């Protein structure tokens, strides 16, 4: 009776199976990644000055743009919540205004 000869190569079949599973997972999870927030930044400092006391809320039904200006004492999470609420209410663009 002859003894089987050991094979010196690596069996790559299990490695290919693991690679295919990882590929499928990445293909499923990639579209689910969080998306960035589209924000319109204010114009550079050379622009005309804004009026000193603008109305706090301006509602134009044809333009769905919201401008956000906060003081330094507001927590970042509260600002993001307000921006999310504006987006949920139908705002198409959110502009971030600098300090006065």
PDB file of N, CA and C in Angstrom:
ATOM      1  N   UNK A   1       0.845  -1.166   0.000  1.00  0.00           N
ATOM      2  CA  UNK A   1       0.000   0.000   0.000  1.00  0.00           C
ATOM      3  C   UNK A   1       0.900   1.242   0.000  1.00  0.00           C
ATOM      4  N   UNK A   2       0.540   2.217  -0.839  1.00  0.00           N
ATOM      5  CA  UNK A   2       1.360   3.420  -0.939  1.00  0.00           C
ATOM      6  C   UNK A   2       0.764   4.525  -0.088  1.00  0.00           C
ATOM      7  N   UNK A   3       1.633   5.310   0.473  1.00  0.00           N
ATOM      8  CA  UNK A   3       1.185   6.433   1.316  1.00  0.00           C
ATOM      9  C   UNK A   3       0.907   7.646   0.438  1.00  0.00           C
ATOM     10  N   UNK A   4      -0.133   8.449   0.771  1.00  0.00           N
ATOM     11  CA  UNK A   4      -0.385   9.649  -0.025  1.00  0.00           C
ATOM     12  C   UNK A   4       0.742  10.664   0.149  1.00  0.00           C
ATOM     13  N   UNK A   5       1.038  11.351  -0.907  1.00  0.00           N
ATOM     14  CA  UNK A   5       2.111  12.335  -0.888  1.00  0.00           C
ATOM     15  C   UNK A   5       1.522  13.672  -0.417  1.00  0.00           C
ATOM     16  N   UNK A   6       2.128  14.316   0.600  1.00  0.00           N
ATOM     17  CA  UNK A   6       1.593  15.611   1.045  1.00  0.00           C
ATOM     18  C   UNK A   6       1.771  16.678  -0.034  1.00  0.00           C
ATOM     19  N   UNK A   7       0.777  17.553  -0.115  1.00  0.00           N
ATOM     20  CA  UNK A   7       0.808  18.633  -1.096  1.00  0.00           C
ATOM     21  C   UNK A   7       1.404  19.870  -0.432  1.00  0.00           C
ATOM     22  N   UNK A   8       2.346  20.495  -1.089  1.00  0.00           N
ATOM     23  CA  UNK A   8       3.036  21.639  -0.502  1.00  0.00           C
ATOM     24  C   UNK A   8       2.330  22.961  -0.780  1.00  0.00           C
ATOM     25  N   UNK A   9       1.291  23.001  -1.613  1.00  0.00           N
ATOM     26  CA  UNK A   9       0.594  24.244  -1.952  1.00  0.00           C
ATOM     27  C   UNK A   9      -0.479  24.596  -0.923  1.00  0.00           C
ATOM     28  N   UNK A  10      -0.928  25.840  -0.949  1.00  0.00           N
ATOM     29  CA  UNK A  10      -1.971  26.317  -0.034  1.00  0.00           C
ATOM     30  C   UNK A  10      -3.326  26.139  -0.705  1.00  0.00           C
ATOM     31  N   UNK A  11      -4.281  25.642   0.040  1.00  0.00           N
ATOM     32  CA  UNK A  11      -5.640  25.491  -0.471  1.00  0.00           C
ATOM     33  C   UNK A  11      -6.313  26.866  -0.413  1.00  0.00           C
ATOM     34  N   UNK A  12      -6.545  27.483  -1.556  1.00  0.00           N
ATOM     35  CA  UNK A  12      -7.072  28.847  -1.604  1.00  0.00           C
ATOM     36  C   UNK A  12      -8.593  28.898  -1.688  1.00  0.00           C
ATOM     37  N   UNK A  13      -9.256  27.765  -1.760  1.00  0.00           N
ATOM     38  CA  UNK A  13     -10.716  27.765  -1.869  1.00  0.00           C
ATOM     39  C   UNK A  13     -11.381  28.453  -0.676  1.00  0.00           C
ATOM     40  N   UNK A  14     -10.999  28.172   0.577  1.00  0.00           N
ATOM     41  CA  UNK A  14     -11.630  28.903   1.691  1.00  0.00           C
ATOM     42  C   UNK A  14     -11.327  30.401   1.661  1.00  0.00           C
ATOM     43  N   UNK A  15     -10.143  30.769   1.181  1.00  0.00           N
ATOM     44  CA  UNK A  15      -9.804  32.186   1.109  1.00  0.00           C
ATOM     45  C   UNK A  15     -10.666  32.901   0.072  1.00  0.00           C
ATOM     46  N   UNK A  16     -10.962  32.249  -1.034  1.00  0.00           N
ATOM     47  CA  UNK A  16     -11.820  32.842  -2.058  1.00  0.00           C
ATOM     48  C   UNK A  16     -13.239  32.996  -1.527  1.00  0.00           C
ATOM     49  N   UNK A  17     -13.707  32.019  -0.748  1.00  0.00           N
ATOM     50  CA  UNK A  17     -15.047  32.121  -0.147  1.00  0.00           C
ATOM     51  C   UNK A  17     -15.137  33.324   0.786  1.00  0.00           C
ATOM     52  N   UNK A  18     -14.132  33.519   1.613  1.00  0.00           N
ATOM     53  CA  UNK A  18     -14.127  34.663   2.537  1.00  0.00           C
ATOM     54  C   UNK A  18     -14.079  35.967   1.759  1.00  0.00           C
ATOM     55  N   UNK A  19     -13.283  36.029   0.688  1.00  0.00           N
ATOM     56  CA  UNK A  19     -13.189  37.234  -0.109  1.00  0.00           C
ATOM     57  C   UNK A  19     -14.527  37.575  -0.771  1.00  0.00           C
ATOM     58  N   UNK A  20     -15.236  36.576  -1.267  1.00  0.00           N
ATOM     59  CA  UNK A  20     -16.533  36.820  -1.889  1.00  0.00           C
ATOM     60  C   UNK A  20     -17.562  37.313  -0.874  1.00  0.00           C
ATOM     61  N   UNK A  21     -17.535  36.758   0.328  1.00  0.00           N
ATOM     62  CA  UNK A  21     -18.452  37.232   1.378  1.00  0.00           C
ATOM     63  C   UNK A  21     -18.148  38.683   1.726  1.00  0.00           C
ATOM     64  N   UNK A  22     -16.875  39.039   1.860  1.00  0.00           N
ATOM     65  CA  UNK A  22     -16.511  40.422   2.152  1.00  0.00           C
ATOM     66  C   UNK A  22     -16.907  41.352   1.009  1.00  0.00           C
ATOM     67  N   UNK A  23     -16.734  40.921  -0.216  1.00  0.00           N
ATOM     68  CA  UNK A  23     -17.126  41.720  -1.365  1.00  0.00           C
ATOM     69  C   UNK A  23     -18.627  41.994  -1.356  1.00  0.00           C
ATOM     70  N   UNK A  24     -19.419  40.991  -1.069  1.00  0.00           N
ATOM     71  CA  UNK A  24     -20.876  41.164  -1.006  1.00  0.00           C
ATOM     72  C   UNK A  24     -21.248  42.110   0.119  1.00  0.00           C
ATOM     73  N   UNK A  25     -20.608  41.981   1.273  1.00  0.00           N
ATOM     74  CA  UNK A  25     -20.897  42.891   2.391  1.00  0.00           C
ATOM     75  C   UNK A  25     -20.577  44.337   2.029  1.00  0.00           C
ATOM     76  N   UNK A  26     -19.436  44.581   1.402  1.00  0.00           N
ATOM     77  CA  UNK A  26     -19.086  45.945   1.013  1.00  0.00           C
ATOM     78  C   UNK A  26     -20.045  46.496  -0.030  1.00  0.00           C
ATOM     79  N   UNK A  27     -20.497  45.636  -0.948  1.00  0.00           N
ATOM     80  CA  UNK A  27     -21.446  46.096  -1.964  1.00  0.00           C
ATOM     81  C   UNK A  27     -22.789  46.466  -1.346  1.00  0.00           C
ATOM     82  N   UNK A  28     -23.185  45.789  -0.277  1.00  0.00           N
ATOM     83  CA  UNK A  28     -24.458  46.090   0.382  1.00  0.00           C
ATOM     84  C   UNK A  28     -24.335  47.315   1.274  1.00  0.00           C
ATOM     85  N   UNK A  29     -23.225  47.444   1.988  1.00  0.00           N
ATOM     86  CA  UNK A  29     -23.087  48.513   2.985  1.00  0.00           C
ATOM     87  C   UNK A  29     -22.649  49.843   2.402  1.00  0.00           C
ATOM     88  N   UNK A  30     -22.022  49.866   1.243  1.00  0.00           N
ATOM     89  CA  UNK A  30     -21.531  51.123   0.672  1.00  0.00           C
ATOM     90  C   UNK A  30     -22.648  52.126   0.405  1.00  0.00           C
ATOM     91  N   UNK A  31     -23.791  51.760  -0.166  1.00  0.00           N
ATOM     92  CA  UNK A  31     -24.844  52.767  -0.372  1.00  0.00           C
ATOM     93  C   UNK A  31     -25.453  53.277   0.929  1.00  0.00           C
ATOM     94  N   UNK A  32     -25.238  52.591   2.046  1.00  0.00           N
ATOM     95  CA  UNK A  32     -25.828  52.984   3.319  1.00  0.00           C
ATOM     96  C   UNK A  32     -24.960  53.946   4.113  1.00  0.00           C
ATOM     97  N   UNK A  33     -23.794  54.317   3.588  1.00  0.00           N
ATOM     98  CA  UNK A  33     -22.914  55.208   4.338  1.00  0.00           C
ATOM     99  C   UNK A  33     -23.586  56.577   4.505  1.00  0.00           C
ATOM    100  N   UNK A  34     -23.307  57.294   5.596  1.00  0.00           N
ATOM    101  CA  UNK A  34     -23.943  58.595   5.812  1.00  0.00           C
ATOM    102  C   UNK A  34     -23.525  59.594   4.742  1.00  0.00           C
ATOM    103  N   UNK A  35     -24.458  60.425   4.376  1.00  0.00           N
ATOM    104  CA  UNK A  35     -24.183  61.435   3.357  1.00  0.00           C
ATOM    105  C   UNK A  35     -23.833  62.749   4.023  1.00  0.00           C
ATOM    106  N   UNK A  36     -23.089  63.567   3.319  1.00  0.00           N
ATOM    107  CA  UNK A  36     -22.702  64.868   3.834  1.00  0.00           C
ATOM    108  C   UNK A  36     -23.856  65.854   3.801  1.00  0.00           C
ATOM    109  N   UNK A  37     -23.692  66.934   4.503  1.00  0.00           N
ATOM    110  CA  UNK A  37     -24.692  67.986   4.562  1.00  0.00           C
ATOM    111  C   UNK A  37     -24.334  69.052   3.536  1.00  0.00           C
ATOM    112  N   UNK A  38     -25.270  69.339   2.629  1.00  0.00           N
ATOM    113  CA  UNK A  38     -25.045  70.383   1.641  1.00  0.00           C
ATOM    114  C   UNK A  38     -25.324  71.732   2.297  1.00  0.00           C
ATOM    115  N   UNK A  39     -24.324  72.552   2.384  1.00  0.00           N
ATOM    116  CA  UNK A  39     -24.473  73.861   3.020  1.00  0.00           C
ATOM    117  C   UNK A  39     -23.890  74.933   2.108  1.00  0.00           C
ATOM    118  N   UNK A  40     -24.582  76.056   1.998  1.00  0.00           N
ATOM    119  CA  UNK A  40     -24.088  77.191   1.218  1.00  0.00           C
ATOM    120  C   UNK A  40     -23.358  78.131   2.170  1.00  0.00           C
ATOM    121  N   UNK A  41     -22.078  78.321   1.944  1.00  0.00           N
ATOM    122  CA  UNK A  41     -21.279  79.177   2.817  1.00  0.00           C
ATOM    123  C   UNK A  41     -21.512  80.647   2.475  1.00  0.00           C
ATOM    124  N   UNK A  42     -21.322  81.539   3.432  1.00  0.00           N
ATOM    125  CA  UNK A  42     -21.527  82.956   3.151  1.00  0.00           C
ATOM    126  C   UNK A  42     -20.467  83.497   2.202  1.00  0.00           C
ATOM    127  N   UNK A  43     -20.773  84.648   1.635  1.00  0.00           N
ATOM    128  CA  UNK A  43     -19.842  85.294   0.707  1.00  0.00           C
ATOM    129  C   UNK A  43     -18.592  85.752   1.455  1.00  0.00           C
ATOM    130  N   UNK A  44     -17.463  85.932   0.757  1.00  0.00           N
ATOM    131  CA  UNK A  44     -16.244  86.393   1.415  1.00  0.00           C
ATOM    132  C   UNK A  44     -16.409  87.806   1.989  1.00  0.00           C
ATOM    133  N   UNK A  45     -15.484  88.235   2.857  1.00  0.00           N
ATOM    134  CA  UNK A  45     -15.633  89.510   3.558  1.00  0.00           C
ATOM    135  C   UNK A  45     -15.749  90.741   2.668  1.00  0.00           C
ATOM    136  N   UNK A  46     -15.453  90.690   1.389  1.00  0.00           N
ATOM    137  CA  UNK A  46     -15.541  91.864   0.529  1.00  0.00           C
ATOM    138  C   UNK A  46     -16.961  92.179   0.076  1.00  0.00           C
ATOM    139  N   UNK A  47     -17.949  91.402   0.496  1.00  0.00           N
ATOM    140  CA  UNK A  47     -19.328  91.610   0.056  1.00  0.00           C
ATOM    141  C   UNK A  47     -19.963  92.782   0.800  1.00  0.00           C
ATOM    142  N   UNK A  48     -21.078  93.333   0.297  1.00  0.00           N
ATOM    143  CA  UNK A  48     -21.742  94.438   0.983  1.00  0.00           C
ATOM    144  C   UNK A  48     -22.228  94.013   2.370  1.00  0.00           C
ATOM    145  N   UNK A  49     -22.178  94.917   3.338  1.00  0.00           N
ATOM    146  CA  UNK A  49     -22.578  94.555   4.703  1.00  0.00           C
ATOM    147  C   UNK A  49     -24.075  94.285   4.784  1.00  0.00           C
ATOM    148  N   UNK A  50     -24.416  93.423   5.719  1.00  0.00           N
ATOM    149  CA  UNK A  50     -25.824  93.120   5.960  1.00  0.00           C
ATOM    150  C   UNK A  50     -26.434  94.233   6.803  1.00  0.00           C
ATOM    151  N   UNK A  51     -27.741  94.418   6.746  1.00  0.00           N
ATOM    152  CA  UNK A  51     -28.361  95.441   7.586  1.00  0.00           C
ATOM    153  C   UNK A  51     -28.113  95.143   9.060  1.00  0.00           C
ATOM    154  N   UNK A  52     -28.038  96.181   9.904  1.00  0.00           N
ATOM    155  CA  UNK A  52     -27.664  95.953  11.307  1.00  0.00           C
ATOM    156  C   UNK A  52     -28.669  95.115  12.082  1.00  0.00           C
ATOM    157  N   UNK A  53     -29.958  95.272  11.850  1.00  0.00           N
ATOM    158  CA  UNK A  53     -30.964  94.520  12.599  1.00  0.00           C
ATOM    159  C   UNK A  53     -31.952  93.874  11.632  1.00  0.00           C
ATOM    160  N   UNK A  54     -31.566  92.754  10.998  1.00  0.00           N
ATOM    161  CA  UNK A  54     -32.504  92.109  10.094  1.00  0.00           C
ATOM    162  C   UNK A  54     -33.612  91.411  10.885  1.00  0.00           C
ATOM    163  N   UNK A  55     -34.713  91.174  10.212  1.00  0.00           N
ATOM    164  CA  UNK A  55     -35.794  90.432  10.854  1.00  0.00           C
ATOM    165  C   UNK A  55     -35.293  89.034  11.182  1.00  0.00           C
ATOM    166  N   UNK A  56     -35.675  88.464  12.329  1.00  0.00           N
ATOM    167  CA  UNK A  56     -35.137  87.159  12.712  1.00  0.00           C
ATOM    168  C   UNK A  56     -35.590  86.030  11.782  1.00  0.00           C
ATOM    169  N   UNK A  57     -36.804  86.123  11.220  1.00  0.00           N
ATOM    170  CA  UNK A  57     -37.303  85.074  10.346  1.00  0.00           C
ATOM    171  C   UNK A  57     -37.852  85.719   9.082  1.00  0.00           C
ATOM    172  N   UNK A  58     -37.349  85.276   7.948  1.00  0.00           N
ATOM    173  CA  UNK A  58     -37.852  85.753   6.663  1.00  0.00           C
ATOM    174  C   UNK A  58     -38.372  84.530   5.924  1.00  0.00           C
ATOM    175  N   UNK A  59     -39.628  84.571   5.510  1.00  0.00           N
ATOM    176  CA  UNK A  59     -40.234  83.425   4.854  1.00  0.00           C
ATOM    177  C   UNK A  59     -40.562  83.780   3.416  1.00  0.00           C
ATOM    178  N   UNK A  60     -39.823  83.196   2.487  1.00  0.00           N
ATOM    179  CA  UNK A  60     -40.088  83.353   1.068  1.00  0.00           C
ATOM    180  C   UNK A  60     -40.562  81.995   0.551  1.00  0.00           C
ATOM    181  N   UNK A  61     -41.751  81.942   0.057  1.00  0.00           N
ATOM    182  CA  UNK A  61     -42.281  80.618  -0.310  1.00  0.00           C
ATOM    183  C   UNK A  61     -41.660  80.063  -1.559  1.00  0.00           C
ATOM    184  N   UNK A  62     -41.062  80.905  -2.411  1.00  0.00           N
ATOM    185  CA  UNK A  62     -40.471  80.365  -3.630  1.00  0.00           C
ATOM    186  C   UNK A  62     -39.042  79.869  -3.417  1.00  0.00           C
ATOM    187  N   UNK A  63     -38.333  80.382  -2.414  1.00  0.00           N
ATOM    188  CA  UNK A  63     -36.946  79.997  -2.156  1.00  0.00           C
ATOM    189  C   UNK A  63     -36.886  79.268  -0.825  1.00  0.00           C
ATOM    190  N   UNK A  64     -36.432  78.045  -0.839  1.00  0.00           N
ATOM    191  CA  UNK A  64     -36.387  77.235   0.386  1.00  0.00           C
ATOM    192  C   UNK A  64     -34.966  77.199   0.941  1.00  0.00           C
ATOM    193  N   UNK A  65     -34.444  78.383   1.247  1.00  0.00           N
ATOM    194  CA  UNK A  65     -33.101  78.522   1.804  1.00  0.00           C
ATOM    195  C   UNK A  65     -33.210  78.983   3.243  1.00  0.00           C
ATOM    196  N   UNK A  66     -32.452  78.352   4.133  1.00  0.00           N
ATOM    197  CA  UNK A  66     -32.424  78.719   5.544  1.00  0.00           C
ATOM    198  C   UNK A  66     -31.004  79.153   5.877  1.00  0.00           C
ATOM    199  N   UNK A  67     -30.874  80.306   6.542  1.00  0.00           N
ATOM    200  CA  UNK A  67     -29.570  80.789   6.989  1.00  0.00           C
ATOM    201  C   UNK A  67     -29.478  80.605   8.495  1.00  0.00           C
ATOM    202  N   UNK A  68     -28.344  80.077   8.950  1.00  0.00           N
ATOM    203  CA  UNK A  68     -28.138  79.790  10.370  1.00  0.00           C
ATOM    204  C   UNK A  68     -26.999  80.661  10.880  1.00  0.00           C
ATOM    205  N   UNK A  69     -27.261  81.381  11.973  1.00  0.00           N
ATOM    206  CA  UNK A  69     -26.232  82.157  12.664  1.00  0.00           C
ATOM    207  C   UNK A  69     -26.410  81.881  14.161  1.00  0.00           C
ATOM    208  N   UNK A  70     -25.364  81.447  14.826  1.00  0.00           N
ATOM    209  CA  UNK A  70     -25.446  81.147  16.253  1.00  0.00           C
ATOM    210  C   UNK A  70     -24.333  81.865  16.996  1.00  0.00           C
ATOM    211  N   UNK A  71     -24.550  82.037  18.275  1.00  0.00           N
ATOM    212  CA  UNK A  71     -23.502  82.638  19.105  1.00  0.00           C
ATOM    213  C   UNK A  71     -22.529  81.549  19.547  1.00  0.00           C
ATOM    214  N   UNK A  72     -21.447  81.944  20.163  1.00  0.00           N
ATOM    215  CA  UNK A  72     -20.435  80.990  20.591  1.00  0.00           C
ATOM    216  C   UNK A  72     -20.842  80.144  21.772  1.00  0.00           C
ATOM    217  N   UNK A  73     -21.982  80.430  22.384  1.00  0.00           N
ATOM    218  CA  UNK A  73     -22.408  79.704  23.582  1.00  0.00           C
ATOM    219  C   UNK A  73     -23.325  78.525  23.270  1.00  0.00           C
ATOM    220  N   UNK A  74     -23.685  78.333  22.001  1.00  0.00           N
ATOM    221  CA  UNK A  74     -24.593  77.255  21.621  1.00  0.00           C
ATOM    222  C   UNK A  74     -23.783  76.003  21.320  1.00  0.00           C
ATOM    223  N   UNK A  75     -24.242  74.866  21.840  1.00  0.00           N
ATOM    224  CA  UNK A  75     -23.537  73.612  21.608  1.00  0.00           C
ATOM    225  C   UNK A  75     -23.723  73.167  20.160  1.00  0.00           C
ATOM    226  N   UNK A  76     -22.704  72.495  19.638  1.00  0.00           N
ATOM    227  CA  UNK A  76     -22.706  72.056  18.247  1.00  0.00           C
ATOM    228  C   UNK A  76     -23.893  71.132  17.952  1.00  0.00           C
ATOM    229  N   UNK A  77     -24.219  70.245  18.880  1.00  0.00           N
ATOM    230  CA  UNK A  77     -25.321  69.312  18.681  1.00  0.00           C
ATOM    231  C   UNK A  77     -26.654  70.014  18.488  1.00  0.00           C
ATOM    232  N   UNK A  78     -26.865  71.122  19.207  1.00  0.00           N
ATOM    233  CA  UNK A  78     -28.121  71.869  19.067  1.00  0.00           C
ATOM    234  C   UNK A  78     -28.210  72.509  17.681  1.00  0.00           C
ATOM    235  N   UNK A  79     -27.086  72.982  17.160  1.00  0.00           N
ATOM    236  CA  UNK A  79     -27.080  73.584  15.822  1.00  0.00           C
ATOM    237  C   UNK A  79     -27.423  72.533  14.773  1.00  0.00           C
ATOM    238  N   UNK A  80     -26.840  71.344  14.902  1.00  0.00           N
ATOM    239  CA  UNK A  80     -27.115  70.269  13.952  1.00  0.00           C
ATOM    240  C   UNK A  80     -28.578  69.842  14.047  1.00  0.00           C
ATOM    241  N   UNK A  81     -29.143  69.804  15.251  1.00  0.00           N
ATOM    242  CA  UNK A  81     -30.560  69.471  15.404  1.00  0.00           C
ATOM    243  C   UNK A  81     -31.437  70.502  14.696  1.00  0.00           C
ATOM    244  N   UNK A  82     -31.093  71.776  14.826  1.00  0.00           N
ATOM    245  CA  UNK A  82     -31.872  72.823  14.164  1.00  0.00           C
ATOM    246  C   UNK A  82     -31.763  72.706  12.646  1.00  0.00           C
ATOM    247  N   UNK A  83     -30.568  72.387  12.156  1.00  0.00           N
ATOM    248  CA  UNK A  83     -30.392  72.228  10.715  1.00  0.00           C
ATOM    249  C   UNK A  83     -31.147  71.005  10.203  1.00  0.00           C
ATOM    250  N   UNK A  84     -31.158  69.919  10.989  1.00  0.00           N
ATOM    251  CA  UNK A  84     -31.931  68.735  10.609  1.00  0.00           C
ATOM    252  C   UNK A  84     -33.421  69.034  10.595  1.00  0.00           C
ATOM    253  N   UNK A  85     -33.895  69.827  11.572  1.00  0.00           N
ATOM    254  CA  UNK A  85     -35.308  70.189  11.612  1.00  0.00           C
ATOM    255  C   UNK A  85     -35.676  71.045  10.403  1.00  0.00           C
ATOM    256  N   UNK A  86     -34.799  71.956  10.018  1.00  0.00           N
ATOM    257  CA  UNK A  86     -35.055  72.782   8.837  1.00  0.00           C
ATOM    258  C   UNK A  86     -35.088  71.927   7.583  1.00  0.00           C
ATOM    259  N   UNK A  87     -34.173  70.966   7.484  1.00  0.00           N
ATOM    260  CA  UNK A  87     -34.158  70.071   6.329  1.00  0.00           C
ATOM    261  C   UNK A  87     -35.435  69.233   6.294  1.00  0.00           C
ATOM    262  N   UNK A  88     -35.873  68.757   7.466  1.00  0.00           N
ATOM    263  CA  UNK A  88     -37.103  67.976   7.535  1.00  0.00           C
ATOM    264  C   UNK A  88     -38.338  68.793   7.215  1.00  0.00           C
ATOM    265  N   UNK A  89     -38.280  70.108   7.445  1.00  0.00           N
ATOM    266  CA  UNK A  89     -39.417  70.982   7.155  1.00  0.00           C
ATOM    267  C   UNK A  89     -39.457  71.400   5.687  1.00  0.00           C
ATOM    268  N   UNK A  90     -38.469  71.003   4.902  1.00  0.00           N
ATOM    269  CA  UNK A  90     -38.507  71.285   3.475  1.00  0.00           C
ATOM    270  C   UNK A  90     -37.445  72.237   2.977  1.00  0.00           C
ATOM    271  N   UNK A  91     -36.474  72.602   3.801  1.00  0.00           N
ATOM    272  CA  UNK A  91     -35.409  73.496   3.344  1.00  0.00           C
ATOM    273  C   UNK A  91     -34.528  72.752   2.339  1.00  0.00           C
ATOM    274  N   UNK A  92     -34.276  73.406   1.203  1.00  0.00           N
ATOM    275  CA  UNK A  92     -33.431  72.785   0.179  1.00  0.00           C
ATOM    276  C   UNK A  92     -31.966  73.141   0.363  1.00  0.00           C
ATOM    277  N   UNK A  93     -31.686  74.356   0.840  1.00  0.00           N
ATOM    278  CA  UNK A  93     -30.308  74.800   1.073  1.00  0.00           C
ATOM    279  C   UNK A  93     -30.221  75.384   2.466  1.00  0.00           C
ATOM    280  N   UNK A  94     -29.088  75.160   3.127  1.00  0.00           N
ATOM    281  CA  UNK A  94     -28.848  75.726   4.446  1.00  0.00           C
ATOM    282  C   UNK A  94     -27.555  76.522   4.370  1.00  0.00           C
ATOM    283  N   UNK A  95     -27.635  77.832   4.657  1.00  0.00           N
ATOM    284  CA  UNK A  95     -26.466  78.693   4.638  1.00  0.00           C
ATOM    285  C   UNK A  95     -26.007  78.979   6.051  1.00  0.00           C
ATOM    286  N   UNK A  96     -24.705  78.983   6.261  1.00  0.00           N
ATOM    287  CA  UNK A  96     -24.140  79.260   7.583  1.00  0.00           C
ATOM    288  C   UNK A  96     -23.557  80.659   7.540  1.00  0.00           C
ATOM    289  N   UNK A  97     -24.067  81.551   8.392  1.00  0.00           N
ATOM    290  CA  UNK A  97     -23.614  82.935   8.444  1.00  0.00           C
ATOM    291  C   UNK A  97     -22.548  83.093   9.523  1.00  0.00           C
ATOM    292  N   UNK A  98     -21.606  83.970   9.266  1.00  0.00           N
ATOM    293  CA  UNK A  98     -20.562  84.253  10.235  1.00  0.00           C
ATOM    294  C   UNK A  98     -21.066  85.181  11.326  1.00  0.00           C
ATOM    295  N   UNK A  99     -20.232  85.445  12.342  1.00  0.00           N
ATOM    296  CA  UNK A  99     -20.640  86.343  13.420  1.00  0.00           C
ATOM    297  C   UNK A  99     -20.793  87.760  12.933  1.00  0.00           C
ATOM    298  N   UNK A 100     -21.613  88.525  13.656  1.00  0.00           N
ATOM    299  CA  UNK A 100     -21.829  89.932  13.278  1.00  0.00           C
ATOM    300  C   UNK A 100     -20.659  90.772  13.648  1.00  0.00           C
TER     301      UNK A 100
END
